[in-house]
């Protein structure tokens, strides 16, 4: 399976779940900003969670299927169209060879993920295929996609992906056609796991939470903050009330990760994202709960958000609940295709 990029859009990169194992060597995590959408896209075509996907930022991209494709797309940044036909998200799609797919505007969010059966076939670097734009490695030559790039899938399919491919082949043979767009009526309901309209971000107090006076803490947990224009995969500048410190100590460079909220010397805040550095010298007022990082990934400049304090235990339980839900979705997708596949391949 292979596609050719006709129009790359604003920023399109290859990503997977990132490089957490190299934080101690100062290597950014990188990976998909919205890991939930990327994982659901992979589940829809039977891939493992860490299979490489294309991350599209906003719309205005276009590609052509140079072979028949089994793909899925998930996210809030774009809507896929073939001619006038809107392709539904969150489910496997058979795309005939020669089909042009355009990404049109979706005002709900900023990022969309394209998975293909087998995952995109690119070499791994430091255990990941993710593009690290800040260091210029990983993905496709360490850069954003450009016009004329060709990408193909890894033909080493998982058993789940084989089931889905075989099921689609049977349906196409039954209809005696290979040149028709085809997809099931069901979808994987991402909105049930994380409603895109929710603008309250849950946070755990950071190591330097106590460095700020009571008024600043109250403002942090009640006032709106706006995503600034100087925001990217490294971090979001948050525009809003200035926070004042009660403790004036200087902080030596210390560990930060995606989701860390730093307060700068001027009292402004920065929410670190996937391509952030691994250490920093600003006080860490809070850490975004892991389950809400996908929500942060879909924010756009000008969006307004609020922060809500939760305990570390609550954050852990929310994460466990999310993983259980995703596991149930994996089983549900398998059940959609299990009987048809094993009836065909019964010894």
C-alpha atoms as a PDB file:
ATOM      1  CA  UNK A   1       0.000   0.000   0.000  1.00  0.00           C
ATOM      2  CA  UNK A   2       1.411   3.385  -0.964  1.00  0.00           C
ATOM      3  CA  UNK A   3       0.448   7.059  -1.092  1.00  0.00           C
ATOM      4  CA  UNK A   4       2.000  10.139  -2.676  1.00  0.00           C
ATOM      5  CA  UNK A   5       1.809  13.533  -1.006  1.00  0.00           C
ATOM      6  CA  UNK A   6       0.353  16.137  -3.380  1.00  0.00           C
ATOM      7  CA  UNK A   7       0.058  18.910  -0.814  1.00  0.00           C
ATOM      8  CA  UNK A   8       1.675  18.597   2.623  1.00  0.00           C
ATOM      9  CA  UNK A   9      -0.391  21.126   4.562  1.00  0.00           C
ATOM     10  CA  UNK A  10       0.902  23.373   7.332  1.00  0.00           C
ATOM     11  CA  UNK A  11       2.854  20.742   9.264  1.00  0.00           C
ATOM     12  CA  UNK A  12       2.658  17.020   8.572  1.00  0.00           C
ATOM     13  CA  UNK A  13       5.036  14.564  10.227  1.00  0.00           C
ATOM     14  CA  UNK A  14       5.486  10.880  10.947  1.00  0.00           C
ATOM     15  CA  UNK A  15       4.869  10.066  14.622  1.00  0.00           C
ATOM     16  CA  UNK A  16       4.324   7.134  16.947  1.00  0.00           C
ATOM     17  CA  UNK A  17       4.226   7.017  20.767  1.00  0.00           C
ATOM     18  CA  UNK A  18       7.646   8.639  21.149  1.00  0.00           C
ATOM     19  CA  UNK A  19      10.968   8.075  22.939  1.00  0.00           C
ATOM     20  CA  UNK A  20      10.338   8.181  26.694  1.00  0.00           C
ATOM     21  CA  UNK A  21      13.252   5.813  27.359  1.00  0.00           C
ATOM     22  CA  UNK A  22      15.828   8.443  26.342  1.00  0.00           C
ATOM     23  CA  UNK A  23      14.764  11.367  28.539  1.00  0.00           C
ATOM     24  CA  UNK A  24      17.834  10.892  30.744  1.00  0.00           C
ATOM     25  CA  UNK A  25      20.017  11.398  27.647  1.00  0.00           C
ATOM     26  CA  UNK A  26      18.277  14.742  26.909  1.00  0.00           C
ATOM     27  CA  UNK A  27      16.365  13.354  23.898  1.00  0.00           C
ATOM     28  CA  UNK A  28      12.872  14.871  23.550  1.00  0.00           C
ATOM     29  CA  UNK A  29       9.944  12.467  23.728  1.00  0.00           C
ATOM     30  CA  UNK A  30       8.376  13.689  20.458  1.00  0.00           C
ATOM     31  CA  UNK A  31       5.646  11.332  19.223  1.00  0.00           C
ATOM     32  CA  UNK A  32       1.995  12.069  18.543  1.00  0.00           C
ATOM     33  CA  UNK A  33       0.671  15.157  20.311  1.00  0.00           C
ATOM     34  CA  UNK A  34      -2.769  13.527  20.642  1.00  0.00           C
ATOM     35  CA  UNK A  35      -1.844   9.965  21.565  1.00  0.00           C
ATOM     36  CA  UNK A  36      -5.483   8.987  22.061  1.00  0.00           C
ATOM     37  CA  UNK A  37      -6.470   9.815  18.472  1.00  0.00           C
ATOM     38  CA  UNK A  38      -3.322   8.155  17.106  1.00  0.00           C
ATOM     39  CA  UNK A  39      -4.008   4.971  19.065  1.00  0.00           C
ATOM     40  CA  UNK A  40      -7.662   4.830  18.004  1.00  0.00           C
ATOM     41  CA  UNK A  41      -6.657   5.280  14.348  1.00  0.00           C
ATOM     42  CA  UNK A  42      -4.252   2.360  14.706  1.00  0.00           C
ATOM     43  CA  UNK A  43      -6.852   0.188  16.441  1.00  0.00           C
ATOM     44  CA  UNK A  44      -9.316   0.818  13.600  1.00  0.00           C
ATOM     45  CA  UNK A  45      -6.955  -0.897  11.120  1.00  0.00           C
ATOM     46  CA  UNK A  46      -5.718  -3.586  13.521  1.00  0.00           C
ATOM     47  CA  UNK A  47      -2.291  -2.109  14.269  1.00  0.00           C
ATOM     48  CA  UNK A  48      -0.475  -2.036  17.573  1.00  0.00           C
ATOM     49  CA  UNK A  49      -0.621   1.264  19.440  1.00  0.00           C
ATOM     50  CA  UNK A  50       2.958   2.192  18.519  1.00  0.00           C
ATOM     51  CA  UNK A  51       2.602   1.827  14.736  1.00  0.00           C
ATOM     52  CA  UNK A  52       3.709   4.961  12.882  1.00  0.00           C
ATOM     53  CA  UNK A  53       0.990   7.397  11.790  1.00  0.00           C
ATOM     54  CA  UNK A  54       0.940  10.705   9.920  1.00  0.00           C
ATOM     55  CA  UNK A  55       0.126  13.691  12.112  1.00  0.00           C
ATOM     56  CA  UNK A  56      -1.565  16.460  10.112  1.00  0.00           C
ATOM     57  CA  UNK A  57      -1.764  19.897  11.735  1.00  0.00           C
ATOM     58  CA  UNK A  58      -4.950  21.596  10.529  1.00  0.00           C
ATOM     59  CA  UNK A  59      -6.180  20.933   6.981  1.00  0.00           C
ATOM     60  CA  UNK A  60      -5.138  21.993   3.463  1.00  0.00           C
ATOM     61  CA  UNK A  61      -3.284  18.749   2.694  1.00  0.00           C
ATOM     62  CA  UNK A  62      -3.841  16.265  -0.127  1.00  0.00           C
ATOM     63  CA  UNK A  63      -2.553  12.834  -1.136  1.00  0.00           C
ATOM     64  CA  UNK A  64      -3.284  10.196  -3.773  1.00  0.00           C
ATOM     65  CA  UNK A  65      -3.633   6.455  -3.262  1.00  0.00           C
ATOM     66  CA  UNK A  66      -1.070   4.843  -5.584  1.00  0.00           C
ATOM     67  CA  UNK A  67      -2.441   1.418  -4.613  1.00  0.00           C
ATOM     68  CA  UNK A  68      -5.536   0.229  -2.825  1.00  0.00           C
ATOM     69  CA  UNK A  69      -5.360   1.309   0.821  1.00  0.00           C
ATOM     70  CA  UNK A  70      -6.765   0.234   4.163  1.00  0.00           C
ATOM     71  CA  UNK A  71      -6.587   3.351   6.332  1.00  0.00           C
ATOM     72  CA  UNK A  72      -8.303   5.142   9.205  1.00  0.00           C
ATOM     73  CA  UNK A  73      -8.189   8.724  10.364  1.00  0.00           C
ATOM     74  CA  UNK A  74      -9.010  10.181  13.772  1.00  0.00           C
ATOM     75  CA  UNK A  75      -8.781  13.689  15.210  1.00  0.00           C
ATOM     76  CA  UNK A  76     -10.332  17.122  15.227  1.00  0.00           C
ATOM     77  CA  UNK A  77      -8.095  19.056  12.833  1.00  0.00           C
ATOM     78  CA  UNK A  78      -9.441  18.014   9.434  1.00  0.00           C
ATOM     79  CA  UNK A  79     -12.152  16.172   7.524  1.00  0.00           C
ATOM     80  CA  UNK A  80     -11.117  13.754   4.752  1.00  0.00           C
ATOM     81  CA  UNK A  81     -12.903  14.057   1.416  1.00  0.00           C
ATOM     82  CA  UNK A  82     -12.764  12.273  -1.930  1.00  0.00           C
ATOM     83  CA  UNK A  83     -14.329  14.650  -4.419  1.00  0.00           C
ATOM     84  CA  UNK A  84     -17.611  15.684  -2.820  1.00  0.00           C
ATOM     85  CA  UNK A  85     -17.789  12.568  -0.651  1.00  0.00           C
ATOM     86  CA  UNK A  86     -16.941  13.062   3.022  1.00  0.00           C
ATOM     87  CA  UNK A  87     -15.116  10.058   4.470  1.00  0.00           C
ATOM     88  CA  UNK A  88     -16.207   9.183   8.007  1.00  0.00           C
ATOM     89  CA  UNK A  89     -13.541   9.036  10.731  1.00  0.00           C
ATOM     90  CA  UNK A  90     -12.787   6.463  13.442  1.00  0.00           C
ATOM     91  CA  UNK A  91     -13.243   3.340  11.293  1.00  0.00           C
ATOM     92  CA  UNK A  92     -11.355   1.359   8.634  1.00  0.00           C
ATOM     93  CA  UNK A  93     -11.682   2.728   5.105  1.00  0.00           C
ATOM     94  CA  UNK A  94     -10.879   0.924   1.860  1.00  0.00           C
ATOM     95  CA  UNK A  95      -9.552   3.481  -0.625  1.00  0.00           C
ATOM     96  CA  UNK A  96      -9.207   2.353  -4.276  1.00  0.00           C
ATOM     97  CA  UNK A  97      -6.011   3.012  -6.211  1.00  0.00           C
ATOM     98  CA  UNK A  98      -6.000   6.415  -7.897  1.00  0.00           C
ATOM     99  CA  UNK A  99      -8.259   8.095  -5.335  1.00  0.00           C
ATOM    100  CA  UNK A 100      -7.406  11.668  -4.349  1.00  0.00           C
ATOM    101  CA  UNK A 101      -7.990  12.496  -0.694  1.00  0.00           C
ATOM    102  CA  UNK A 102      -8.187  16.110   0.459  1.00  0.00           C
ATOM    103  CA  UNK A 103      -8.139  17.345   4.033  1.00  0.00           C
ATOM    104  CA  UNK A 104     -10.714  20.086   4.552  1.00  0.00           C
ATOM    105  CA  UNK A 105     -11.177  22.336   7.557  1.00  0.00           C
ATOM    106  CA  UNK A 106     -12.564  21.035  10.840  1.00  0.00           C
ATOM    107  CA  UNK A 107     -12.947  23.918  13.322  1.00  0.00           C
ATOM    108  CA  UNK A 108     -13.196  21.573  16.307  1.00  0.00           C
ATOM    109  CA  UNK A 109      -9.453  21.108  16.783  1.00  0.00           C
ATOM    110  CA  UNK A 110      -5.999  21.182  15.266  1.00  0.00           C
ATOM    111  CA  UNK A 111      -4.579  17.681  14.697  1.00  0.00           C
ATOM    112  CA  UNK A 112      -5.622  14.590  12.756  1.00  0.00           C
ATOM    113  CA  UNK A 113      -3.929  11.189  12.495  1.00  0.00           C
ATOM    114  CA  UNK A 114      -3.768   8.893   9.477  1.00  0.00           C
ATOM    115  CA  UNK A 115      -3.062   5.221  10.132  1.00  0.00           C
ATOM    116  CA  UNK A 116      -2.517   2.527   7.511  1.00  0.00           C
ATOM    117  CA  UNK A 117      -2.683  -1.250   7.970  1.00  0.00           C
ATOM    118  CA  UNK A 118       0.804  -2.296   9.078  1.00  0.00           C
ATOM    119  CA  UNK A 119       1.869   1.244   9.961  1.00  0.00           C
ATOM    120  CA  UNK A 120       4.010   3.550   7.822  1.00  0.00           C
ATOM    121  CA  UNK A 121       7.261   1.832   6.857  1.00  0.00           C
ATOM    122  CA  UNK A 122      10.182   4.004   7.953  1.00  0.00           C
ATOM    123  CA  UNK A 123      13.396   3.244   9.855  1.00  0.00           C
ATOM    124  CA  UNK A 124      13.350   3.579  13.622  1.00  0.00           C
ATOM    125  CA  UNK A 125      15.871   5.787  15.410  1.00  0.00           C
ATOM    126  CA  UNK A 126      16.419   5.327  19.155  1.00  0.00           C
ATOM    127  CA  UNK A 127      13.513   2.927  19.288  1.00  0.00           C
ATOM    128  CA  UNK A 128      10.969   5.159  17.543  1.00  0.00           C
ATOM    129  CA  UNK A 129       9.893   6.315  14.078  1.00  0.00           C
ATOM    130  CA  UNK A 130       8.743   9.680  15.449  1.00  0.00           C
ATOM    131  CA  UNK A 131       9.967  12.884  13.837  1.00  0.00           C
ATOM    132  CA  UNK A 132      11.919  15.118  16.219  1.00  0.00           C
ATOM    133  CA  UNK A 133      11.854  18.446  14.395  1.00  0.00           C
ATOM    134  CA  UNK A 134      13.947  20.248  17.014  1.00  0.00           C
ATOM    135  CA  UNK A 135      16.877  17.867  16.462  1.00  0.00           C
ATOM    136  CA  UNK A 136      16.141  16.946  12.837  1.00  0.00           C
ATOM    137  CA  UNK A 137      15.961  13.158  13.052  1.00  0.00           C
ATOM    138  CA  UNK A 138      13.385  10.386  12.878  1.00  0.00           C
ATOM    139  CA  UNK A 139      10.344  10.056  10.645  1.00  0.00           C
ATOM    140  CA  UNK A 140      11.132  10.927   7.035  1.00  0.00           C
ATOM    141  CA  UNK A 141      14.616  12.464   7.103  1.00  0.00           C
ATOM    142  CA  UNK A 142      13.826  14.335  10.313  1.00  0.00           C
ATOM    143  CA  UNK A 143      11.548  16.825   8.549  1.00  0.00           C
ATOM    144  CA  UNK A 144       7.949  17.646   7.738  1.00  0.00           C
ATOM    145  CA  UNK A 145       6.412  15.951   4.716  1.00  0.00           C
ATOM    146  CA  UNK A 146       6.667  17.742   1.386  1.00  0.00           C
ATOM    147  CA  UNK A 147       5.091  17.518  -2.041  1.00  0.00           C
ATOM    148  CA  UNK A 148       6.192  14.416  -3.936  1.00  0.00           C
ATOM    149  CA  UNK A 149       6.999  12.290  -0.872  1.00  0.00           C
ATOM    150  CA  UNK A 150       5.881   8.679  -1.217  1.00  0.00           C
ATOM    151  CA  UNK A 151       5.046   6.592   1.824  1.00  0.00           C
ATOM    152  CA  UNK A 152       4.211   2.908   1.987  1.00  0.00           C
ATOM    153  CA  UNK A 153       3.002   0.572   4.683  1.00  0.00           C
ATOM    154  CA  UNK A 154       4.947  -2.091   6.525  1.00  0.00           C
ATOM    155  CA  UNK A 155       3.650  -5.330   5.006  1.00  0.00           C
ATOM    156  CA  UNK A 156       4.272  -7.259   8.245  1.00  0.00           C
ATOM    157  CA  UNK A 157       0.661  -7.044   9.393  1.00  0.00           C
ATOM    158  CA  UNK A 158      -0.543  -8.006  12.841  1.00  0.00           C
ATOM    159  CA  UNK A 159      -3.110 -10.785  13.093  1.00  0.00           C
ATOM    160  CA  UNK A 160      -5.777  -8.162  13.756  1.00  0.00           C
ATOM    161  CA  UNK A 161      -4.794  -6.205  10.641  1.00  0.00           C
ATOM    162  CA  UNK A 162      -4.812  -9.414   8.570  1.00  0.00           C
ATOM    163  CA  UNK A 163      -8.364 -10.107   9.762  1.00  0.00           C
ATOM    164  CA  UNK A 164      -9.549  -6.666   8.685  1.00  0.00           C
ATOM    165  CA  UNK A 165      -7.785  -6.816   5.303  1.00  0.00           C
ATOM    166  CA  UNK A 166      -9.209 -10.268   4.595  1.00  0.00           C
ATOM    167  CA  UNK A 167     -12.708  -9.160   5.586  1.00  0.00           C
ATOM    168  CA  UNK A 168     -12.561  -6.176   3.240  1.00  0.00           C
ATOM    169  CA  UNK A 169     -11.255  -8.356   0.396  1.00  0.00           C
ATOM    170  CA  UNK A 170     -14.184 -10.736   0.824  1.00  0.00           C
ATOM    171  CA  UNK A 171     -16.712  -7.907   0.723  1.00  0.00           C
ATOM    172  CA  UNK A 172     -15.095  -6.378  -2.370  1.00  0.00           C
ATOM    173  CA  UNK A 173     -15.048  -9.763  -4.134  1.00  0.00           C
ATOM    174  CA  UNK A 174     -18.693 -10.273  -3.222  1.00  0.00           C
ATOM    175  CA  UNK A 175     -19.513  -6.934  -4.842  1.00  0.00           C
ATOM    176  CA  UNK A 176     -17.188  -7.764  -7.764  1.00  0.00           C
ATOM    177  CA  UNK A 177     -15.356  -4.442  -7.492  1.00  0.00           C
ATOM    178  CA  UNK A 178     -12.018  -3.052  -6.354  1.00  0.00           C
ATOM    179  CA  UNK A 179     -12.621   0.547  -7.374  1.00  0.00           C
ATOM    180  CA  UNK A 180     -15.233   1.618  -4.839  1.00  0.00           C
ATOM    181  CA  UNK A 181     -14.736   3.373  -1.522  1.00  0.00           C
ATOM    182  CA  UNK A 182     -15.886   1.050   1.225  1.00  0.00           C
ATOM    183  CA  UNK A 183     -16.252   1.339   4.990  1.00  0.00           C
ATOM    184  CA  UNK A 184     -18.388  -0.124   7.780  1.00  0.00           C
ATOM    185  CA  UNK A 185     -21.274   1.681   9.485  1.00  0.00           C
ATOM    186  CA  UNK A 186     -19.720   1.371  12.957  1.00  0.00           C
ATOM    187  CA  UNK A 187     -17.050   3.626  14.404  1.00  0.00           C
ATOM    188  CA  UNK A 188     -14.797   3.805  17.462  1.00  0.00           C
ATOM    189  CA  UNK A 189     -16.397   6.572  19.560  1.00  0.00           C
ATOM    190  CA  UNK A 190     -13.467   8.783  20.515  1.00  0.00           C
ATOM    191  CA  UNK A 191     -15.779  11.544  21.780  1.00  0.00           C
ATOM    192  CA  UNK A 192     -16.996   9.239  24.553  1.00  0.00           C
ATOM    193  CA  UNK A 193     -13.437   8.951  25.845  1.00  0.00           C
ATOM    194  CA  UNK A 194     -12.544  12.622  25.544  1.00  0.00           C
ATOM    195  CA  UNK A 195     -15.155  15.172  24.443  1.00  0.00           C
ATOM    196  CA  UNK A 196     -13.429  17.730  22.237  1.00  0.00           C
ATOM    197  CA  UNK A 197     -15.612  20.534  23.570  1.00  0.00           C
ATOM    198  CA  UNK A 198     -14.352  20.234  27.146  1.00  0.00           C
ATOM    199  CA  UNK A 199     -11.995  23.103  27.970  1.00  0.00           C
ATOM    200  CA  UNK A 200     -11.204  22.275  31.606  1.00  0.00           C
ATOM    201  CA  UNK A 201      -7.750  20.737  31.938  1.00  0.00           C
ATOM    202  CA  UNK A 202      -7.094  18.620  35.024  1.00  0.00           C
ATOM    203  CA  UNK A 203      -3.724  19.176  36.691  1.00  0.00           C
ATOM    204  CA  UNK A 204      -1.702  17.776  39.581  1.00  0.00           C
ATOM    205  CA  UNK A 205       0.240  20.292  41.719  1.00  0.00           C
ATOM    206  CA  UNK A 206       3.852  20.528  40.568  1.00  0.00           C
ATOM    207  CA  UNK A 207       7.011  20.392  42.669  1.00  0.00           C
ATOM    208  CA  UNK A 208       7.084  24.184  43.051  1.00  0.00           C
ATOM    209  CA  UNK A 209       3.319  24.642  43.541  1.00  0.00           C
ATOM    210  CA  UNK A 210       3.997  25.991  47.042  1.00  0.00           C
ATOM    211  CA  UNK A 211       6.301  28.716  45.704  1.00  0.00           C
ATOM    212  CA  UNK A 212       3.272  30.801  44.681  1.00  0.00           C
ATOM    213  CA  UNK A 213       1.128  32.927  46.958  1.00  0.00           C
ATOM    214  CA  UNK A 214      -2.483  32.080  47.745  1.00  0.00           C
ATOM    215  CA  UNK A 215      -3.897  34.702  45.405  1.00  0.00           C
ATOM    216  CA  UNK A 216      -1.872  33.375  42.469  1.00  0.00           C
ATOM    217  CA  UNK A 217      -2.944  29.798  43.170  1.00  0.00           C
ATOM    218  CA  UNK A 218      -6.587  30.892  43.314  1.00  0.00           C
ATOM    219  CA  UNK A 219      -6.214  32.741  40.007  1.00  0.00           C
ATOM    220  CA  UNK A 220      -4.437  29.788  38.378  1.00  0.00           C
ATOM    221  CA  UNK A 221      -7.317  27.479  39.313  1.00  0.00           C
ATOM    222  CA  UNK A 222     -10.173  29.816  38.368  1.00  0.00           C
ATOM    223  CA  UNK A 223      -9.184  32.308  35.658  1.00  0.00           C
ATOM    224  CA  UNK A 224      -9.272  31.529  31.920  1.00  0.00           C
ATOM    225  CA  UNK A 225      -6.018  31.223  29.980  1.00  0.00           C
ATOM    226  CA  UNK A 226      -5.749  31.675  26.232  1.00  0.00           C
ATOM    227  CA  UNK A 227      -3.478  29.661  23.944  1.00  0.00           C
ATOM    228  CA  UNK A 228      -1.028  32.203  22.505  1.00  0.00           C
ATOM    229  CA  UNK A 229       0.083  32.506  18.903  1.00  0.00           C
ATOM    230  CA  UNK A 230       3.627  31.490  19.841  1.00  0.00           C
ATOM    231  CA  UNK A 231       2.580  27.882  20.370  1.00  0.00           C
ATOM    232  CA  UNK A 232       3.860  24.753  18.639  1.00  0.00           C
ATOM    233  CA  UNK A 233       4.886  21.149  19.258  1.00  0.00           C
ATOM    234  CA  UNK A 234       7.437  22.291  21.861  1.00  0.00           C
ATOM    235  CA  UNK A 235       4.970  24.195  24.015  1.00  0.00           C
ATOM    236  CA  UNK A 236       2.033  26.570  24.338  1.00  0.00           C
ATOM    237  CA  UNK A 237       2.383  30.102  25.649  1.00  0.00           C
ATOM    238  CA  UNK A 238      -0.576  30.766  27.937  1.00  0.00           C
ATOM    239  CA  UNK A 239      -1.942  34.289  27.990  1.00  0.00           C
ATOM    240  CA  UNK A 240      -3.736  35.426  31.127  1.00  0.00           C
ATOM    241  CA  UNK A 241      -3.250  36.625  34.675  1.00  0.00           C
ATOM    242  CA  UNK A 242       0.360  37.015  35.832  1.00  0.00           C
ATOM    243  CA  UNK A 243       1.297  34.742  38.747  1.00  0.00           C
ATOM    244  CA  UNK A 244       3.339  36.026  41.687  1.00  0.00           C
ATOM    245  CA  UNK A 245       5.751  33.980  43.716  1.00  0.00           C
ATOM    246  CA  UNK A 246       5.826  33.914  47.501  1.00  0.00           C
ATOM    247  CA  UNK A 247       9.174  32.127  47.448  1.00  0.00           C
ATOM    248  CA  UNK A 248      11.935  33.839  45.503  1.00  0.00           C
ATOM    249  CA  UNK A 249      14.408  30.946  45.421  1.00  0.00           C
ATOM    250  CA  UNK A 250      16.222  30.197  42.200  1.00  0.00           C
ATOM    251  CA  UNK A 251      15.669  26.778  40.687  1.00  0.00           C
ATOM    252  CA  UNK A 252      18.522  24.821  39.164  1.00  0.00           C
ATOM    253  CA  UNK A 253      17.674  23.073  35.910  1.00  0.00           C
ATOM    254  CA  UNK A 254      15.502  20.105  36.721  1.00  0.00           C
ATOM    255  CA  UNK A 255      13.392  17.501  34.935  1.00  0.00           C
ATOM    256  CA  UNK A 256      10.396  18.473  32.808  1.00  0.00           C
ATOM    257  CA  UNK A 257       8.177  16.380  30.552  1.00  0.00           C
ATOM    258  CA  UNK A 258       5.267  16.964  28.182  1.00  0.00           C
ATOM    259  CA  UNK A 259       2.456  18.336  30.329  1.00  0.00           C
ATOM    260  CA  UNK A 260       4.674  20.320  32.699  1.00  0.00           C
ATOM    261  CA  UNK A 261       3.410  23.878  33.265  1.00  0.00           C
ATOM    262  CA  UNK A 262       6.269  26.301  33.933  1.00  0.00           C
ATOM    263  CA  UNK A 263       5.998  29.856  35.238  1.00  0.00           C
ATOM    264  CA  UNK A 264       8.513  32.213  33.629  1.00  0.00           C
ATOM    265  CA  UNK A 265      10.392  35.013  35.363  1.00  0.00           C
ATOM    266  CA  UNK A 266       7.758  37.513  34.228  1.00  0.00           C
ATOM    267  CA  UNK A 267       4.920  35.443  35.724  1.00  0.00           C
ATOM    268  CA  UNK A 268       3.668  34.043  32.430  1.00  0.00           C
ATOM    269  CA  UNK A 269       3.095  30.346  31.849  1.00  0.00           C
ATOM    270  CA  UNK A 270       4.234  27.778  29.307  1.00  0.00           C
ATOM    271  CA  UNK A 271       2.600  24.367  28.858  1.00  0.00           C
ATOM    272  CA  UNK A 272       5.243  21.984  27.530  1.00  0.00           C
ATOM    273  CA  UNK A 273       4.231  19.629  24.726  1.00  0.00           C
ATOM    274  CA  UNK A 274       5.640  16.631  22.823  1.00  0.00           C
ATOM    275  CA  UNK A 275       8.872  18.154  21.447  1.00  0.00           C
ATOM    276  CA  UNK A 276       9.809  19.969  24.667  1.00  0.00           C
ATOM    277  CA  UNK A 277      13.258  19.988  26.225  1.00  0.00           C
ATOM    278  CA  UNK A 278      14.008  17.499  29.017  1.00  0.00           C
ATOM    279  CA  UNK A 279      15.192  19.984  31.675  1.00  0.00           C
ATOM    280  CA  UNK A 280      14.224  23.519  32.615  1.00  0.00           C
ATOM    281  CA  UNK A 281      14.949  26.205  35.182  1.00  0.00           C
ATOM    282  CA  UNK A 282      11.490  27.719  35.686  1.00  0.00           C
ATOM    283  CA  UNK A 283       9.265  26.694  38.627  1.00  0.00           C
ATOM    284  CA  UNK A 284       6.804  23.911  37.803  1.00  0.00           C
ATOM    285  CA  UNK A 285       3.422  24.958  39.134  1.00  0.00           C
ATOM    286  CA  UNK A 286       1.538  21.933  37.815  1.00  0.00           C
ATOM    287  CA  UNK A 287       1.562  18.824  35.637  1.00  0.00           C
ATOM    288  CA  UNK A 288      -1.331  18.110  33.279  1.00  0.00           C
ATOM    289  CA  UNK A 289      -2.946  14.732  33.971  1.00  0.00           C
ATOM    290  CA  UNK A 290      -1.882  12.267  31.273  1.00  0.00           C
ATOM    291  CA  UNK A 291      -5.499  11.612  30.244  1.00  0.00           C
ATOM    292  CA  UNK A 292      -5.972  15.293  29.352  1.00  0.00           C
ATOM    293  CA  UNK A 293      -2.862  15.698  27.196  1.00  0.00           C
ATOM    294  CA  UNK A 294      -4.797  14.613  24.060  1.00  0.00           C
ATOM    295  CA  UNK A 295      -7.294  17.393  24.804  1.00  0.00           C
ATOM    296  CA  UNK A 296      -4.411  19.888  25.040  1.00  0.00           C
ATOM    297  CA  UNK A 297      -3.071  18.601  21.711  1.00  0.00           C
ATOM    298  CA  UNK A 298      -6.259  19.698  19.939  1.00  0.00           C
ATOM    299  CA  UNK A 299      -6.143  23.283  21.262  1.00  0.00           C
ATOM    300  CA  UNK A 300      -5.620  26.163  18.832  1.00  0.00           C
ATOM    301  CA  UNK A 301      -4.259  29.691  19.286  1.00  0.00           C
ATOM    302  CA  UNK A 302      -7.080  31.756  20.706  1.00  0.00           C
ATOM    303  CA  UNK A 303      -8.750  28.854  22.544  1.00  0.00           C
ATOM    304  CA  UNK A 304      -9.601  29.550  26.178  1.00  0.00           C
ATOM    305  CA  UNK A 305      -9.019  26.934  28.896  1.00  0.00           C
ATOM    306  CA  UNK A 306      -9.368  26.532  32.662  1.00  0.00           C
ATOM    307  CA  UNK A 307      -7.347  24.422  35.079  1.00  0.00           C
ATOM    308  CA  UNK A 308      -8.799  22.128  37.742  1.00  0.00           C
ATOM    309  CA  UNK A 309      -6.685  20.648  40.531  1.00  0.00           C
ATOM    310  CA  UNK A 310      -6.889  16.912  41.164  1.00  0.00           C
ATOM    311  CA  UNK A 311      -4.761  14.596  43.296  1.00  0.00           C
ATOM    312  CA  UNK A 312      -2.031  12.352  41.973  1.00  0.00           C
ATOM    313  CA  UNK A 313      -4.179   9.374  42.932  1.00  0.00           C
ATOM    314  CA  UNK A 314      -7.120  10.724  40.916  1.00  0.00           C
ATOM    315  CA  UNK A 315      -4.840  11.240  37.918  1.00  0.00           C
ATOM    316  CA  UNK A 316      -3.601   7.658  38.199  1.00  0.00           C
ATOM    317  CA  UNK A 317      -7.134   6.248  38.442  1.00  0.00           C
ATOM    318  CA  UNK A 318      -8.272   8.297  35.439  1.00  0.00           C
ATOM    319  CA  UNK A 319      -5.326   6.915  33.462  1.00  0.00           C
ATOM    320  CA  UNK A 320      -6.128   3.331  34.466  1.00  0.00           C
ATOM    321  CA  UNK A 321      -9.784   3.837  33.519  1.00  0.00           C
ATOM    322  CA  UNK A 322      -8.786   5.214  30.105  1.00  0.00           C
ATOM    323  CA  UNK A 323      -6.487   2.250  29.436  1.00  0.00           C
ATOM    324  CA  UNK A 324      -9.265  -0.168  30.372  1.00  0.00           C
ATOM    325  CA  UNK A 325     -11.614   1.594  27.955  1.00  0.00           C
ATOM    326  CA  UNK A 326      -9.045   1.399  25.157  1.00  0.00           C
ATOM    327  CA  UNK A 327      -8.509  -2.300  25.842  1.00  0.00           C
ATOM    328  CA  UNK A 328     -12.258  -2.878  25.539  1.00  0.00           C
ATOM    329  CA  UNK A 329     -12.256  -1.007  22.224  1.00  0.00           C
ATOM    330  CA  UNK A 330      -9.454  -3.244  20.947  1.00  0.00           C
ATOM    331  CA  UNK A 331     -11.503  -6.328  21.790  1.00  0.00           C
ATOM    332  CA  UNK A 332     -14.593  -4.813  20.162  1.00  0.00           C
ATOM    333  CA  UNK A 333     -12.735  -4.199  16.882  1.00  0.00           C
ATOM    334  CA  UNK A 334     -11.337  -7.746  16.948  1.00  0.00           C
ATOM    335  CA  UNK A 335     -14.835  -9.154  17.426  1.00  0.00           C
ATOM    336  CA  UNK A 336     -16.071  -7.286  14.343  1.00  0.00           C
ATOM    337  CA  UNK A 337     -13.771  -9.336  12.115  1.00  0.00           C
ATOM    338  CA  UNK A 338     -12.827 -12.467  14.092  1.00  0.00           C
ATOM    339  CA  UNK A 339     -15.584 -14.793  12.883  1.00  0.00           C
ATOM    340  CA  UNK A 340     -15.223 -13.928   9.200  1.00  0.00           C
ATOM    341  CA  UNK A 341     -11.434 -14.317   9.251  1.00  0.00           C
ATOM    342  CA  UNK A 342     -11.316 -17.620  11.123  1.00  0.00           C
ATOM    343  CA  UNK A 343     -14.147 -19.126   9.096  1.00  0.00           C
ATOM    344  CA  UNK A 344     -12.016 -18.455   5.994  1.00  0.00           C
ATOM    345  CA  UNK A 345      -8.785 -19.765   7.578  1.00  0.00           C
ATOM    346  CA  UNK A 346     -10.144 -22.728   9.582  1.00  0.00           C
ATOM    347  CA  UNK A 347      -7.830 -25.757   9.125  1.00  0.00           C
END
